[in-house]
Every structure is written in structure tokens, then in C-alpha cells.
Amino acid sequence: MLTYSAGLRVSEVVRLKVEDIDEERHMIHIRGAKGQKDRYTLLSNVALQALHQYWETCHPKSWLFPGSKTDSHLTTRTVEKVLEDACQKAGIPKHITVHSLRHSFATHLLEGGTDLRYIQELLGHKS
């Protein structure tokens, strides 16, 4: 959900902490992103609602998506495998990757008339 709705890299999603979600401003704080730069990106209403449901069920403490080991987060491979399994169960024949969701986020913004430079900032691209 966050990869598509916020354009996050899978490595950014797995490293999110509960405190990185700013519900009031509808923002996500991305710490130490590619190039070791912090940035903020958008948090949609739909994604925030999904996070609320997730919080009620899973009660994460530190890491937003904790791993199986104490004080660890999910691995990128685990997220990729979950998406792969979900696509297979849903009968989606096309090969979809986590990165293709990020790409779709950018494409849909561009098709909707959003300024390219703004999209680059949301994605954490330098140029």
C-alpha cells in the first residue's frame, strides 16, 4: 500500500518506524533514504485508514513492520515474497514487483498533471 500510495522504495517501507507517520499533516518521514537524505512524502487518506486498521490488529511498537526477530524489521525479500504470493492468489498473470508499484505512483501523478520536479522530490530523486 505505501509503495504505491506514497511512492516509497521497498527498503524505505521496511525501515519505517511508527513515529515516522505524521497523521495530522498526512506525511511520512523517510529517514536515511537513498543517498542518506531524509525527506517527507505524502500519506493518503486511504493509506492512513489502512494503517489504522493495521495498528488496531498488530500493535507495532518501534518498527512499523516488525520482523520475526526481536527489534528487527521485515526484510525487503519478505515484502517481495508477500506481493508475489498475493498476485499468484489473485490470479494476476503479469509479473508485478514492489518497484513497479512505485513506478505506477509516479506515472499516475504525471498523467494527472503533477509537475515532474515535484514528483521527483516525492520519490527522493536528485534530478
C-alpha atoms as a PDB file:
ATOM      1  CA  MET A   1       0.000   0.000   0.000  1.00  0.00           C
ATOM      2  CA  LEU A   2       2.698   2.535   0.965  1.00  0.00           C
ATOM      3  CA  THR A   3       4.826   1.674  -2.045  1.00  0.00           C
ATOM      4  CA  TYR A   4       2.033   2.593  -4.433  1.00  0.00           C
ATOM      5  CA  SER A   5       0.239   5.322  -2.471  1.00  0.00           C
ATOM      6  CA  ALA A   6       3.415   7.168  -1.392  1.00  0.00           C
ATOM      7  CA  GLY A   7       5.966   6.070  -3.983  1.00  0.00           C
ATOM      8  CA  LEU A   8       8.282   4.518  -1.416  1.00  0.00           C
ATOM      9  CA  ARG A   9      11.161   2.188  -2.175  1.00  0.00           C
ATOM     10  CA  VAL A  10      10.747  -1.227  -0.568  1.00  0.00           C
ATOM     11  CA  SER A  11      13.862  -0.523   1.516  1.00  0.00           C
ATOM     12  CA  GLU A  12      12.179   2.641   2.817  1.00  0.00           C
ATOM     13  CA  VAL A  13       8.937   0.851   3.692  1.00  0.00           C
ATOM     14  CA  VAL A  14      10.635  -1.836   5.773  1.00  0.00           C
ATOM     15  CA  ARG A  15      12.675   0.745   7.714  1.00  0.00           C
ATOM     16  CA  LEU A  16       9.693   2.877   8.716  1.00  0.00           C
ATOM     17  CA  LYS A  17       9.101   3.374  12.407  1.00  0.00           C
ATOM     18  CA  VAL A  18       5.741   4.138  13.989  1.00  0.00           C
ATOM     19  CA  GLU A  19       6.991   7.646  14.820  1.00  0.00           C
ATOM     20  CA  ASP A  20       7.653   8.331  11.111  1.00  0.00           C
ATOM     21  CA  ILE A  21       3.922   8.548  10.418  1.00  0.00           C
ATOM     22  CA  ASP A  22       2.587  12.082  10.886  1.00  0.00           C
ATOM     23  CA  GLU A  23      -1.176  11.596  10.941  1.00  0.00           C
ATOM     24  CA  GLU A  24      -2.034  15.269  11.418  1.00  0.00           C
ATOM     25  CA  ARG A  25      -0.051  16.520   8.414  1.00  0.00           C
ATOM     26  CA  HIS A  26      -0.617  13.352   6.340  1.00  0.00           C
ATOM     27  CA  MET A  27       3.117  12.954   5.846  1.00  0.00           C
ATOM     28  CA  ILE A  28       5.648  10.127   6.093  1.00  0.00           C
ATOM     29  CA  HIS A  29       9.167  10.905   7.290  1.00  0.00           C
ATOM     30  CA  ILE A  30      11.687   8.866   5.310  1.00  0.00           C
ATOM     31  CA  ARG A  31      14.935   8.670   7.277  1.00  0.00           C
ATOM     32  CA  GLY A  32      18.276   7.915   5.662  1.00  0.00           C
ATOM     33  CA  ALA A  33      16.802   7.300   2.230  1.00  0.00           C
ATOM     34  CA  LYS A  34      18.963   6.602  -0.806  1.00  0.00           C
ATOM     35  CA  GLY A  35      21.904   8.990  -0.603  1.00  0.00           C
ATOM     36  CA  GLN A  36      21.406   9.163   3.186  1.00  0.00           C
ATOM     37  CA  LYS A  37      18.989  12.074   2.802  1.00  0.00           C
ATOM     38  CA  ASP A  38      15.860  12.455   4.883  1.00  0.00           C
ATOM     39  CA  ARG A  39      12.679  13.534   3.142  1.00  0.00           C
ATOM     40  CA  TYR A  40       8.933  13.729   3.615  1.00  0.00           C
ATOM     41  CA  THR A  41       6.327  12.299   1.299  1.00  0.00           C
ATOM     42  CA  LEU A  42       2.547  12.195   1.190  1.00  0.00           C
ATOM     43  CA  LEU A  43       0.289   9.913   3.217  1.00  0.00           C
ATOM     44  CA  SER A  44      -3.084   9.492   1.513  1.00  0.00           C
ATOM     45  CA  ASN A  45      -6.352   9.187   3.427  1.00  0.00           C
ATOM     46  CA  VAL A  46      -6.780   5.643   2.120  1.00  0.00           C
ATOM     47  CA  ALA A  47      -3.291   4.631   3.275  1.00  0.00           C
ATOM     48  CA  LEU A  48      -3.871   6.255   6.672  1.00  0.00           C
ATOM     49  CA  GLN A  49      -7.127   4.322   7.102  1.00  0.00           C
ATOM     50  CA  ALA A  50      -5.325   1.097   6.187  1.00  0.00           C
ATOM     51  CA  LEU A  51      -2.593   1.915   8.720  1.00  0.00           C
ATOM     52  CA  HIS A  52      -5.227   2.487  11.426  1.00  0.00           C
ATOM     53  CA  GLN A  53      -6.685  -0.970  10.750  1.00  0.00           C
ATOM     54  CA  TYR A  54      -3.199  -2.459  10.786  1.00  0.00           C
ATOM     55  CA  TRP A  55      -2.325  -0.704  14.082  1.00  0.00           C
ATOM     56  CA  GLU A  56      -5.509  -1.997  15.728  1.00  0.00           C
ATOM     57  CA  THR A  57      -4.647  -5.545  14.714  1.00  0.00           C
ATOM     58  CA  CYS A  58      -0.855  -5.710  15.007  1.00  0.00           C
ATOM     59  CA  HIS A  59       0.072  -3.038  17.591  1.00  0.00           C
ATOM     60  CA  PRO A  60       3.614  -2.304  16.311  1.00  0.00           C
ATOM     61  CA  LYS A  61       5.870  -0.738  18.931  1.00  0.00           C
ATOM     62  CA  SER A  62       9.005   0.593  17.215  1.00  0.00           C
ATOM     63  CA  TRP A  63       9.253  -0.706  13.654  1.00  0.00           C
ATOM     64  CA  LEU A  64       6.071  -0.119  11.676  1.00  0.00           C
ATOM     65  CA  PHE A  65       6.501  -3.563  10.108  1.00  0.00           C
ATOM     66  CA  PRO A  66       8.426  -5.646  12.663  1.00  0.00           C
ATOM     67  CA  GLY A  67      10.297  -8.775  11.676  1.00  0.00           C
ATOM     68  CA  SER A  68      10.274 -12.137  13.384  1.00  0.00           C
ATOM     69  CA  LYS A  69      13.401 -11.398  15.419  1.00  0.00           C
ATOM     70  CA  THR A  70      13.337  -9.067  18.408  1.00  0.00           C
ATOM     71  CA  ASP A  71      13.906  -5.424  17.465  1.00  0.00           C
ATOM     72  CA  SER A  72      14.126  -6.113  13.733  1.00  0.00           C
ATOM     73  CA  HIS A  73      12.029  -5.057  10.752  1.00  0.00           C
ATOM     74  CA  LEU A  74      10.740  -7.051   7.818  1.00  0.00           C
ATOM     75  CA  THR A  75      13.258  -7.726   5.094  1.00  0.00           C
ATOM     76  CA  THR A  76      12.828  -6.451   1.564  1.00  0.00           C
ATOM     77  CA  ARG A  77      12.747 -10.051   0.360  1.00  0.00           C
ATOM     78  CA  THR A  78       9.829 -10.822   2.696  1.00  0.00           C
ATOM     79  CA  VAL A  79       7.827  -7.922   1.250  1.00  0.00           C
ATOM     80  CA  GLU A  80       8.656  -9.022  -2.295  1.00  0.00           C
ATOM     81  CA  LYS A  81       7.555 -12.579  -1.473  1.00  0.00           C
ATOM     82  CA  VAL A  82       4.277 -11.386   0.093  1.00  0.00           C
ATOM     83  CA  LEU A  83       3.471  -9.396  -3.068  1.00  0.00           C
ATOM     84  CA  GLU A  84       4.427 -12.336  -5.274  1.00  0.00           C
ATOM     85  CA  ASP A  85       2.162 -14.691  -3.285  1.00  0.00           C
ATOM     86  CA  ALA A  86      -0.724 -12.186  -3.273  1.00  0.00           C
ATOM     87  CA  CYS A  87      -0.513 -11.755  -7.052  1.00  0.00           C
ATOM     88  CA  GLN A  88      -0.478 -15.503  -7.526  1.00  0.00           C
ATOM     89  CA  LYS A  89      -3.511 -15.999  -5.243  1.00  0.00           C
ATOM     90  CA  ALA A  90      -5.360 -13.190  -7.040  1.00  0.00           C
ATOM     91  CA  GLY A  91      -4.648 -14.809 -10.402  1.00  0.00           C
ATOM     92  CA  ILE A  92      -2.695 -11.838 -11.749  1.00  0.00           C
ATOM     93  CA  PRO A  93      -0.669 -13.233 -14.654  1.00  0.00           C
ATOM     94  CA  LYS A  94       1.556 -10.175 -15.146  1.00  0.00           C
ATOM     95  CA  HIS A  95       4.822 -10.132 -13.199  1.00  0.00           C
ATOM     96  CA  ILE A  96       4.457  -7.293 -10.694  1.00  0.00           C
ATOM     97  CA  THR A  97       7.299  -6.177  -8.463  1.00  0.00           C
ATOM     98  CA  VAL A  98       7.316  -3.835  -5.498  1.00  0.00           C
ATOM     99  CA  HIS A  99       9.285  -1.375  -7.618  1.00  0.00           C
ATOM    100  CA  SER A 100       6.609  -1.450 -10.334  1.00  0.00           C
ATOM    101  CA  LEU A 101       4.137  -0.118  -7.726  1.00  0.00           C
ATOM    102  CA  ARG A 102       6.484   2.812  -7.051  1.00  0.00           C
ATOM    103  CA  HIS A 103       6.768   3.390 -10.793  1.00  0.00           C
ATOM    104  CA  SER A 104       2.960   3.365 -11.111  1.00  0.00           C
ATOM    105  CA  PHE A 105       2.715   6.010  -8.370  1.00  0.00           C
ATOM    106  CA  ALA A 106       4.947   8.333 -10.396  1.00  0.00           C
ATOM    107  CA  THR A 107       3.244   7.528 -13.700  1.00  0.00           C
ATOM    108  CA  HIS A 108      -0.241   8.211 -12.354  1.00  0.00           C
ATOM    109  CA  LEU A 109       0.841  11.534 -10.848  1.00  0.00           C
ATOM    110  CA  LEU A 110       2.468  12.568 -14.128  1.00  0.00           C
ATOM    111  CA  GLU A 111      -0.607  11.527 -16.136  1.00  0.00           C
ATOM    112  CA  GLY A 112      -2.722  13.565 -13.712  1.00  0.00           C
ATOM    113  CA  GLY A 113      -0.740  16.708 -14.496  1.00  0.00           C
ATOM    114  CA  THR A 114       1.525  16.851 -11.438  1.00  0.00           C
ATOM    115  CA  ASP A 115       4.750  18.776 -12.020  1.00  0.00           C
ATOM    116  CA  LEU A 116       7.666  16.463 -12.835  1.00  0.00           C
ATOM    117  CA  ARG A 117      10.033  18.209 -10.400  1.00  0.00           C
ATOM    118  CA  TYR A 118       7.525  17.735  -7.555  1.00  0.00           C
ATOM    119  CA  ILE A 119       7.192  14.031  -8.404  1.00  0.00           C
ATOM    120  CA  GLN A 120      10.990  13.719  -8.328  1.00  0.00           C
ATOM    121  CA  GLU A 121      11.045  15.285  -4.860  1.00  0.00           C
ATOM    122  CA  LEU A 122       8.367  12.899  -3.589  1.00  0.00           C
ATOM    123  CA  LEU A 123      10.361   9.957  -4.936  1.00  0.00           C
ATOM    124  CA  GLY A 124      13.625  11.229  -3.477  1.00  0.00           C
ATOM    125  CA  HIS A 125      15.297  11.652  -6.864  1.00  0.00           C
ATOM    126  CA  LYS A 126      18.003  14.272  -7.194  1.00  0.00           C
ATOM    127  CA  SER A 127      17.228  15.009 -10.833  1.00  0.00           C
END
